[in-house]
Amino acid sequence: MINQAQLDEVIRTVEQASLDETLLTRLRAAYPGVHFNTCMDDDVSVNAKPYAERAGFNVYLVNSANHCSTLTNDPDIASGVVLAEIIED
């Protein structure tokens, strides 16, 4: 479970940083037990709806219950966050 306050803090942090390994390290240290990953937004399933959309990136939530990771928009069952970078053409 990831609460709304945590998600808001994560999003604010990402808005003020670059999507890189340093940011992931900071987030992982600040939120133990929450899994963080980055990718390009076009690598995410075409029918997936972001939990949050921001300039330069989208936020997706991951549910890793039942030994299989799936995207979710329900923070109550989310165990991870995917930060998907958007690069404008």
PDB file of N, CA and C in Angstrom:
ATOM      1  N   MET A   1       0.834  -1.184   0.000  1.00  0.00           N
ATOM      2  CA  MET A   1       0.000   0.000   0.000  1.00  0.00           C
ATOM      3  C   MET A   1       0.878   1.246   0.000  1.00  0.00           C
ATOM      4  N   ILE A   2       0.528   2.173  -0.836  1.00  0.00           N
ATOM      5  CA  ILE A   2       1.204   3.454  -0.901  1.00  0.00           C
ATOM      6  C   ILE A   2       0.135   4.520  -0.651  1.00  0.00           C
ATOM      7  N   ASN A   3       0.344   5.339   0.378  1.00  0.00           N
ATOM      8  CA  ASN A   3      -0.707   6.317   0.679  1.00  0.00           C
ATOM      9  C   ASN A   3      -0.578   7.566  -0.199  1.00  0.00           C
ATOM     10  N   GLN A   4      -1.649   8.334  -0.226  1.00  0.00           N
ATOM     11  CA  GLN A   4      -1.708   9.508  -1.098  1.00  0.00           C
ATOM     12  C   GLN A   4      -0.631  10.524  -0.766  1.00  0.00           C
ATOM     13  N   ALA A   5      -0.346  10.720   0.501  1.00  0.00           N
ATOM     14  CA  ALA A   5       0.695  11.678   0.885  1.00  0.00           C
ATOM     15  C   ALA A   5       2.051  11.256   0.320  1.00  0.00           C
ATOM     16  N   GLN A   6       2.355   9.970   0.373  1.00  0.00           N
ATOM     17  CA  GLN A   6       3.608   9.469  -0.195  1.00  0.00           C
ATOM     18  C   GLN A   6       3.650   9.713  -1.702  1.00  0.00           C
ATOM     19  N   LEU A   7       2.566   9.405  -2.383  1.00  0.00           N
ATOM     20  CA  LEU A   7       2.525   9.607  -3.829  1.00  0.00           C
ATOM     21  C   LEU A   7       2.703  11.083  -4.186  1.00  0.00           C
ATOM     22  N   ASP A   8       2.062  11.958  -3.436  1.00  0.00           N
ATOM     23  CA  ASP A   8       2.216  13.391  -3.683  1.00  0.00           C
ATOM     24  C   ASP A   8       3.668  13.821  -3.489  1.00  0.00           C
ATOM     25  N   GLU A   9       4.313  13.315  -2.448  1.00  0.00           N
ATOM     26  CA  GLU A   9       5.721  13.645  -2.187  1.00  0.00           C
ATOM     27  C   GLU A   9       6.625  13.112  -3.296  1.00  0.00           C
ATOM     28  N   VAL A  10       6.371  11.894  -3.728  1.00  0.00           N
ATOM     29  CA  VAL A  10       7.164  11.298  -4.811  1.00  0.00           C
ATOM     30  C   VAL A  10       7.036  12.154  -6.066  1.00  0.00           C
ATOM     31  N   ILE A  11       5.829  12.517  -6.422  1.00  0.00           N
ATOM     32  CA  ILE A  11       5.603  13.312  -7.627  1.00  0.00           C
ATOM     33  C   ILE A  11       6.297  14.666  -7.523  1.00  0.00           C
ATOM     34  N   ARG A  12       6.194  15.337  -6.383  1.00  0.00           N
ATOM     35  CA  ARG A  12       6.882  16.620  -6.202  1.00  0.00           C
ATOM     36  C   ARG A  12       8.393  16.457  -6.334  1.00  0.00           C
ATOM     37  N   THR A  13       8.923  15.381  -5.765  1.00  0.00           N
ATOM     38  CA  THR A  13      10.365  15.121  -5.844  1.00  0.00           C
ATOM     39  C   THR A  13      10.797  14.926  -7.289  1.00  0.00           C
ATOM     40  N   VAL A  14      10.028  14.150  -8.039  1.00  0.00           N
ATOM     41  CA  VAL A  14      10.380  13.864  -9.430  1.00  0.00           C
ATOM     42  C   VAL A  14      10.267  15.131 -10.278  1.00  0.00           C
ATOM     43  N   GLU A  15       9.291  15.965  -9.990  1.00  0.00           N
ATOM     44  CA  GLU A  15       9.135  17.204 -10.753  1.00  0.00           C
ATOM     45  C   GLU A  15      10.359  18.110 -10.628  1.00  0.00           C
ATOM     46  N   GLN A  16      11.110  17.958  -9.541  1.00  0.00           N
ATOM     47  CA  GLN A  16      12.260  18.820  -9.286  1.00  0.00           C
ATOM     48  C   GLN A  16      13.599  18.134  -9.571  1.00  0.00           C
ATOM     49  N   ALA A  17      13.568  16.991 -10.231  1.00  0.00           N
ATOM     50  CA  ALA A  17      14.796  16.229 -10.452  1.00  0.00           C
ATOM     51  C   ALA A  17      14.806  15.653 -11.864  1.00  0.00           C
ATOM     52  N   SER A  18      15.884  14.969 -12.172  1.00  0.00           N
ATOM     53  CA  SER A  18      15.993  14.233 -13.431  1.00  0.00           C
ATOM     54  C   SER A  18      15.660  12.772 -13.170  1.00  0.00           C
ATOM     55  N   LEU A  19      15.013  12.144 -14.130  1.00  0.00           N
ATOM     56  CA  LEU A  19      14.713  10.715 -14.005  1.00  0.00           C
ATOM     57  C   LEU A  19      15.992   9.932 -14.272  1.00  0.00           C
ATOM     58  N   ASP A  20      16.723   9.643 -13.215  1.00  0.00           N
ATOM     59  CA  ASP A  20      17.974   8.919 -13.358  1.00  0.00           C
ATOM     60  C   ASP A  20      18.197   8.024 -12.138  1.00  0.00           C
ATOM     61  N   GLU A  21      19.301   7.326 -12.136  1.00  0.00           N
ATOM     62  CA  GLU A  21      19.607   6.377 -11.058  1.00  0.00           C
ATOM     63  C   GLU A  21      19.760   7.082  -9.715  1.00  0.00           C
ATOM     64  N   THR A  22      20.265   8.301  -9.700  1.00  0.00           N
ATOM     65  CA  THR A  22      20.403   9.062  -8.455  1.00  0.00           C
ATOM     66  C   THR A  22      19.033   9.310  -7.832  1.00  0.00           C
ATOM     67  N   LEU A  23      18.073   9.686  -8.658  1.00  0.00           N
ATOM     68  CA  LEU A  23      16.714   9.906  -8.169  1.00  0.00           C
ATOM     69  C   LEU A  23      16.125   8.611  -7.620  1.00  0.00           C
ATOM     70  N   LEU A  24      16.292   7.513  -8.351  1.00  0.00           N
ATOM     71  CA  LEU A  24      15.772   6.227  -7.870  1.00  0.00           C
ATOM     72  C   LEU A  24      16.382   5.849  -6.525  1.00  0.00           C
ATOM     73  N   THR A  25      17.661   6.071  -6.377  1.00  0.00           N
ATOM     74  CA  THR A  25      18.332   5.765  -5.110  1.00  0.00           C
ATOM     75  C   THR A  25      17.737   6.599  -3.982  1.00  0.00           C
ATOM     76  N   ARG A  26      17.524   7.886  -4.233  1.00  0.00           N
ATOM     77  CA  ARG A  26      16.909   8.756  -3.222  1.00  0.00           C
ATOM     78  C   ARG A  26      15.510   8.285  -2.843  1.00  0.00           C
ATOM     79  N   LEU A  27      14.707   7.950  -3.839  1.00  0.00           N
ATOM     80  CA  LEU A  27      13.337   7.514  -3.574  1.00  0.00           C
ATOM     81  C   LEU A  27      13.312   6.187  -2.818  1.00  0.00           C
ATOM     82  N   ARG A  28      14.169   5.267  -3.215  1.00  0.00           N
ATOM     83  CA  ARG A  28      14.222   3.965  -2.533  1.00  0.00           C
ATOM     84  C   ARG A  28      14.643   4.115  -1.079  1.00  0.00           C
ATOM     85  N   ALA A  29      15.552   5.047  -0.799  1.00  0.00           N
ATOM     86  CA  ALA A  29      15.982   5.292   0.582  1.00  0.00           C
ATOM     87  C   ALA A  29      14.878   5.964   1.393  1.00  0.00           C
ATOM     88  N   ALA A  30      14.139   6.857   0.764  1.00  0.00           N
ATOM     89  CA  ALA A  30      13.090   7.597   1.460  1.00  0.00           C
ATOM     90  C   ALA A  30      11.831   6.760   1.702  1.00  0.00           C
ATOM     91  N   TYR A  31      11.595   5.769   0.851  1.00  0.00           N
ATOM     92  CA  TYR A  31      10.375   4.956   0.933  1.00  0.00           C
ATOM     93  C   TYR A  31      10.724   3.470   0.902  1.00  0.00           C
ATOM     94  N   PRO A  32      11.313   2.970   1.993  1.00  0.00           N
ATOM     95  CA  PRO A  32      11.660   1.546   2.025  1.00  0.00           C
ATOM     96  C   PRO A  32      10.407   0.684   1.839  1.00  0.00           C
ATOM     97  N   GLY A  33      10.567  -0.366   1.092  1.00  0.00           N
ATOM     98  CA  GLY A  33       9.438  -1.264   0.855  1.00  0.00           C
ATOM     99  C   GLY A  33       8.646  -0.934  -0.399  1.00  0.00           C
ATOM    100  N   VAL A  34       8.858   0.264  -0.950  1.00  0.00           N
ATOM    101  CA  VAL A  34       8.200   0.639  -2.202  1.00  0.00           C
ATOM    102  C   VAL A  34       9.222   0.445  -3.322  1.00  0.00           C
ATOM    103  N   HIS A  35       8.813  -0.218  -4.365  1.00  0.00           N
ATOM    104  CA  HIS A  35       9.703  -0.470  -5.501  1.00  0.00           C
ATOM    105  C   HIS A  35       9.566   0.664  -6.508  1.00  0.00           C
ATOM    106  N   PHE A  36      10.677   1.160  -6.996  1.00  0.00           N
ATOM    107  CA  PHE A  36      10.688   2.240  -7.979  1.00  0.00           C
ATOM    108  C   PHE A  36      11.448   1.801  -9.215  1.00  0.00           C
ATOM    109  N   ASN A  37      10.888   2.138 -10.380  1.00  0.00           N
ATOM    110  CA  ASN A  37      11.542   1.874 -11.669  1.00  0.00           C
ATOM    111  C   ASN A  37      11.257   3.030 -12.610  1.00  0.00           C
ATOM    112  N   THR A  38      12.108   3.166 -13.609  1.00  0.00           N
ATOM    113  CA  THR A  38      11.872   4.146 -14.660  1.00  0.00           C
ATOM    114  C   THR A  38      11.843   3.433 -16.004  1.00  0.00           C
ATOM    115  N   CYS A  39      11.208   4.071 -16.947  1.00  0.00           N
ATOM    116  CA  CYS A  39      11.193   3.590 -18.327  1.00  0.00           C
ATOM    117  C   CYS A  39      10.751   4.747 -19.199  1.00  0.00           C
ATOM    118  N   MET A  40      10.689   4.513 -20.459  1.00  0.00           N
ATOM    119  CA  MET A  40      10.114   5.489 -21.378  1.00  0.00           C
ATOM    120  C   MET A  40       8.604   5.249 -21.410  1.00  0.00           C
ATOM    121  N   ASP A  41       7.843   6.325 -21.513  1.00  0.00           N
ATOM    122  CA  ASP A  41       6.390   6.163 -21.479  1.00  0.00           C
ATOM    123  C   ASP A  41       5.883   5.296 -22.622  1.00  0.00           C
ATOM    124  N   ASP A  42       6.538   5.350 -23.766  1.00  0.00           N
ATOM    125  CA  ASP A  42       6.065   4.523 -24.878  1.00  0.00           C
ATOM    126  C   ASP A  42       6.402   3.043 -24.696  1.00  0.00           C
ATOM    127  N   ASP A  43       7.125   2.692 -23.624  1.00  0.00           N
ATOM    128  CA  ASP A  43       7.370   1.288 -23.297  1.00  0.00           C
ATOM    129  C   ASP A  43       6.226   0.680 -22.477  1.00  0.00           C
ATOM    130  N   VAL A  44       5.334   1.531 -21.985  1.00  0.00           N
ATOM    131  CA  VAL A  44       4.207   1.071 -21.169  1.00  0.00           C
ATOM    132  C   VAL A  44       3.078   0.654 -22.105  1.00  0.00           C
ATOM    133  N   SER A  45       2.345  -0.355 -21.694  1.00  0.00           N
ATOM    134  CA  SER A  45       1.229  -0.867 -22.492  1.00  0.00           C
ATOM    135  C   SER A  45       0.350   0.271 -23.009  1.00  0.00           C
ATOM    136  N   VAL A  46      -0.022   0.182 -24.254  1.00  0.00           N
ATOM    137  CA  VAL A  46      -0.751   1.255 -24.921  1.00  0.00           C
ATOM    138  C   VAL A  46      -2.096   1.544 -24.249  1.00  0.00           C
ATOM    139  N   ASN A  47      -2.711   0.570 -23.619  1.00  0.00           N
ATOM    140  CA  ASN A  47      -4.014   0.789 -22.988  1.00  0.00           C
ATOM    141  C   ASN A  47      -3.916   1.080 -21.489  1.00  0.00           C
ATOM    142  N   ALA A  48      -2.710   1.249 -20.969  1.00  0.00           N
ATOM    143  CA  ALA A  48      -2.536   1.564 -19.552  1.00  0.00           C
ATOM    144  C   ALA A  48      -2.840   3.033 -19.315  1.00  0.00           C
ATOM    145  N   LYS A  49      -3.557   3.299 -18.228  1.00  0.00           N
ATOM    146  CA  LYS A  49      -3.877   4.674 -17.857  1.00  0.00           C
ATOM    147  C   LYS A  49      -2.965   5.095 -16.720  1.00  0.00           C
ATOM    148  N   PRO A  50      -2.239   6.192 -16.894  1.00  0.00           N
ATOM    149  CA  PRO A  50      -1.349   6.643 -15.823  1.00  0.00           C
ATOM    150  C   PRO A  50      -2.136   7.021 -14.575  1.00  0.00           C
ATOM    151  N   TYR A  51      -1.530   6.791 -13.425  1.00  0.00           N
ATOM    152  CA  TYR A  51      -2.116   7.254 -12.169  1.00  0.00           C
ATOM    153  C   TYR A  51      -2.067   8.775 -12.118  1.00  0.00           C
ATOM    154  N   ALA A  52      -0.968   9.344 -12.603  1.00  0.00           N
ATOM    155  CA  ALA A  52      -0.807  10.796 -12.656  1.00  0.00           C
ATOM    156  C   ALA A  52      -0.015  11.159 -13.905  1.00  0.00           C
ATOM    157  N   GLU A  53      -0.350  12.291 -14.493  1.00  0.00           N
ATOM    158  CA  GLU A  53       0.350  12.790 -15.673  1.00  0.00           C
ATOM    159  C   GLU A  53       0.968  14.136 -15.324  1.00  0.00           C
ATOM    160  N   ARG A  54       2.244  14.273 -15.603  1.00  0.00           N
ATOM    161  CA  ARG A  54       2.963  15.519 -15.346  1.00  0.00           C
ATOM    162  C   ARG A  54       3.786  15.869 -16.584  1.00  0.00           C
ATOM    163  N   ALA A  55       4.237  17.099 -16.623  1.00  0.00           N
ATOM    164  CA  ALA A  55       5.094  17.522 -17.727  1.00  0.00           C
ATOM    165  C   ALA A  55       6.373  16.702 -17.689  1.00  0.00           C
ATOM    166  N   GLY A  56       6.617  15.941 -18.739  1.00  0.00           N
ATOM    167  CA  GLY A  56       7.855  15.176 -18.840  1.00  0.00           C
ATOM    168  C   GLY A  56       7.796  13.749 -18.339  1.00  0.00           C
ATOM    169  N   PHE A  57       6.756  13.389 -17.599  1.00  0.00           N
ATOM    170  CA  PHE A  57       6.670  12.011 -17.119  1.00  0.00           C
ATOM    171  C   PHE A  57       5.242  11.657 -16.713  1.00  0.00           C
ATOM    172  N   ASN A  58       4.950  10.366 -16.744  1.00  0.00           N
ATOM    173  CA  ASN A  58       3.712   9.805 -16.216  1.00  0.00           C
ATOM    174  C   ASN A  58       4.056   8.881 -15.066  1.00  0.00           C
ATOM    175  N   VAL A  59       3.116   8.742 -14.149  1.00  0.00           N
ATOM    176  CA  VAL A  59       3.288   7.882 -12.981  1.00  0.00           C
ATOM    177  C   VAL A  59       2.323   6.710 -13.105  1.00  0.00           C
ATOM    178  N   TYR A  60       2.874   5.507 -13.015  1.00  0.00           N
ATOM    179  CA  TYR A  60       2.070   4.287 -13.021  1.00  0.00           C
ATOM    180  C   TYR A  60       2.309   3.569 -11.698  1.00  0.00           C
ATOM    181  N   LEU A  61       1.292   2.904 -11.201  1.00  0.00           N
ATOM    182  CA  LEU A  61       1.420   2.120  -9.974  1.00  0.00           C
ATOM    183  C   LEU A  61       1.453   0.647 -10.332  1.00  0.00           C
ATOM    184  N   VAL A  62       2.196  -0.115  -9.526  1.00  0.00           N
ATOM    185  CA  VAL A  62       2.368  -1.544  -9.758  1.00  0.00           C
ATOM    186  C   VAL A  62       1.868  -2.321  -8.557  1.00  0.00           C
ATOM    187  N   ASN A  63       1.140  -3.378  -8.829  1.00  0.00           N
ATOM    188  CA  ASN A  63       0.693  -4.326  -7.800  1.00  0.00           C
ATOM    189  C   ASN A  63       1.478  -5.617  -8.046  1.00  0.00           C
ATOM    190  N   SER A  64       2.271  -6.024  -7.067  1.00  0.00           N
ATOM    191  CA  SER A  64       3.085  -7.237  -7.224  1.00  0.00           C
ATOM    192  C   SER A  64       2.567  -8.407  -6.396  1.00  0.00           C
ATOM    193  N   ALA A  65       1.329  -8.356  -5.994  1.00  0.00           N
ATOM    194  CA  ALA A  65       0.737  -9.472  -5.258  1.00  0.00           C
ATOM    195  C   ALA A  65       0.621 -10.679  -6.187  1.00  0.00           C
ATOM    196  N   ASN A  66       0.510 -11.817  -5.622  1.00  0.00           N
ATOM    197  CA  ASN A  66       0.322 -13.057  -6.387  1.00  0.00           C
ATOM    198  C   ASN A  66       1.476 -13.361  -7.336  1.00  0.00           C
ATOM    199  N   HIS A  67       2.677 -12.890  -7.008  1.00  0.00           N
ATOM    200  CA  HIS A  67       3.900 -13.222  -7.728  1.00  0.00           C
ATOM    201  C   HIS A  67       3.946 -12.739  -9.171  1.00  0.00           C
ATOM    202  N   CYS A  68       3.054 -11.832  -9.536  1.00  0.00           N
ATOM    203  CA  CYS A  68       3.042 -11.313 -10.896  1.00  0.00           C
ATOM    204  C   CYS A  68       2.752  -9.817 -10.827  1.00  0.00           C
ATOM    205  N   SER A  69       3.605  -9.013 -11.412  1.00  0.00           N
ATOM    206  CA  SER A  69       3.409  -7.568 -11.378  1.00  0.00           C
ATOM    207  C   SER A  69       2.424  -7.129 -12.456  1.00  0.00           C
ATOM    208  N   THR A  70       1.482  -6.287 -12.048  1.00  0.00           N
ATOM    209  CA  THR A  70       0.509  -5.716 -12.973  1.00  0.00           C
ATOM    210  C   THR A  70       0.331  -4.241 -12.641  1.00  0.00           C
ATOM    211  N   LEU A  71      -0.066  -3.470 -13.631  1.00  0.00           N
ATOM    212  CA  LEU A  71      -0.349  -2.064 -13.383  1.00  0.00           C
ATOM    213  C   LEU A  71      -1.699  -1.925 -12.718  1.00  0.00           C
ATOM    214  N   THR A  72      -1.813  -0.939 -11.846  1.00  0.00           N
ATOM    215  CA  THR A  72      -3.054  -0.656 -11.144  1.00  0.00           C
ATOM    216  C   THR A  72      -3.171   0.849 -10.954  1.00  0.00           C
ATOM    217  N   ASN A  73      -4.341   1.340 -10.715  1.00  0.00           N
ATOM    218  CA  ASN A  73      -4.525   2.738 -10.331  1.00  0.00           C
ATOM    219  C   ASN A  73      -5.027   2.833  -8.905  1.00  0.00           C
ATOM    220  N   ASP A  74      -4.916   1.742  -8.168  1.00  0.00           N
ATOM    221  CA  ASP A  74      -5.374   1.681  -6.781  1.00  0.00           C
ATOM    222  C   ASP A  74      -4.175   1.704  -5.832  1.00  0.00           C
ATOM    223  N   PRO A  75      -3.898   2.837  -5.197  1.00  0.00           N
ATOM    224  CA  PRO A  75      -2.750   2.912  -4.294  1.00  0.00           C
ATOM    225  C   PRO A  75      -2.860   1.960  -3.099  1.00  0.00           C
ATOM    226  N   ASP A  76      -4.069   1.547  -2.758  1.00  0.00           N
ATOM    227  CA  ASP A  76      -4.253   0.639  -1.619  1.00  0.00           C
ATOM    228  C   ASP A  76      -3.658  -0.741  -1.870  1.00  0.00           C
ATOM    229  N   ILE A  77      -3.484  -1.118  -3.133  1.00  0.00           N
ATOM    230  CA  ILE A  77      -2.884  -2.421  -3.435  1.00  0.00           C
ATOM    231  C   ILE A  77      -1.537  -2.296  -4.140  1.00  0.00           C
ATOM    232  N   ALA A  78      -1.102  -1.052  -4.355  1.00  0.00           N
ATOM    233  CA  ALA A  78       0.159  -0.826  -5.063  1.00  0.00           C
ATOM    234  C   ALA A  78       1.353  -1.104  -4.159  1.00  0.00           C
ATOM    235  N   SER A  79       2.378  -1.682  -4.762  1.00  0.00           N
ATOM    236  CA  SER A  79       3.629  -1.934  -4.037  1.00  0.00           C
ATOM    237  C   SER A  79       4.804  -1.233  -4.705  1.00  0.00           C
ATOM    238  N   GLY A  80       4.543  -0.613  -5.849  1.00  0.00           N
ATOM    239  CA  GLY A  80       5.625   0.035  -6.568  1.00  0.00           C
ATOM    240  C   GLY A  80       5.142   1.147  -7.467  1.00  0.00           C
ATOM    241  N   VAL A  81       6.121   1.920  -7.929  1.00  0.00           N
ATOM    242  CA  VAL A  81       5.855   3.076  -8.783  1.00  0.00           C
ATOM    243  C   VAL A  81       6.759   2.999 -10.005  1.00  0.00           C
ATOM    244  N   VAL A  82       6.174   3.209 -11.176  1.00  0.00           N
ATOM    245  CA  VAL A  82       6.944   3.326 -12.405  1.00  0.00           C
ATOM    246  C   VAL A  82       6.875   4.777 -12.841  1.00  0.00           C
ATOM    247  N   LEU A  83       8.028   5.379 -13.027  1.00  0.00           N
ATOM    248  CA  LEU A  83       8.145   6.745 -13.509  1.00  0.00           C
ATOM    249  C   LEU A  83       8.513   6.665 -14.981  1.00  0.00           C
ATOM    250  N   ALA A  84       7.565   7.025 -15.827  1.00  0.00           N
ATOM    251  CA  ALA A  84       7.724   6.845 -17.271  1.00  0.00           C
ATOM    252  C   ALA A  84       7.993   8.181 -17.942  1.00  0.00           C
ATOM    253  N   GLU A  85       9.197   8.321 -18.453  1.00  0.00           N
ATOM    254  CA  GLU A  85       9.619   9.586 -19.059  1.00  0.00           C
ATOM    255  C   GLU A  85       8.965   9.797 -20.415  1.00  0.00           C
ATOM    256  N   ILE A  86       8.534  11.032 -20.636  1.00  0.00           N
ATOM    257  CA  ILE A  86       7.944  11.414 -21.912  1.00  0.00           C
ATOM    258  C   ILE A  86       8.931  12.334 -22.623  1.00  0.00           C
ATOM    259  N   ILE A  87       9.295  11.971 -23.834  1.00  0.00           N
ATOM    260  CA  ILE A  87      10.155  12.810 -24.648  1.00  0.00           C
ATOM    261  C   ILE A  87       9.337  13.284 -25.834  1.00  0.00           C
ATOM    262  N   GLU A  88       9.157  14.585 -25.916  1.00  0.00           N
ATOM    263  CA  GLU A  88       8.351  15.159 -27.000  1.00  0.00           C
ATOM    264  C   GLU A  88       9.102  15.021 -28.318  1.00  0.00           C
ATOM    265  N   ASP A  89       8.341  14.735 -29.366  1.00  0.00           N
ATOM    266  CA  ASP A  89       8.929  14.612 -30.705  1.00  0.00           C
ATOM    267  C   ASP A  89       9.243  15.958 -31.270  1.00  0.00           C
TER     268      ASP A  89
END
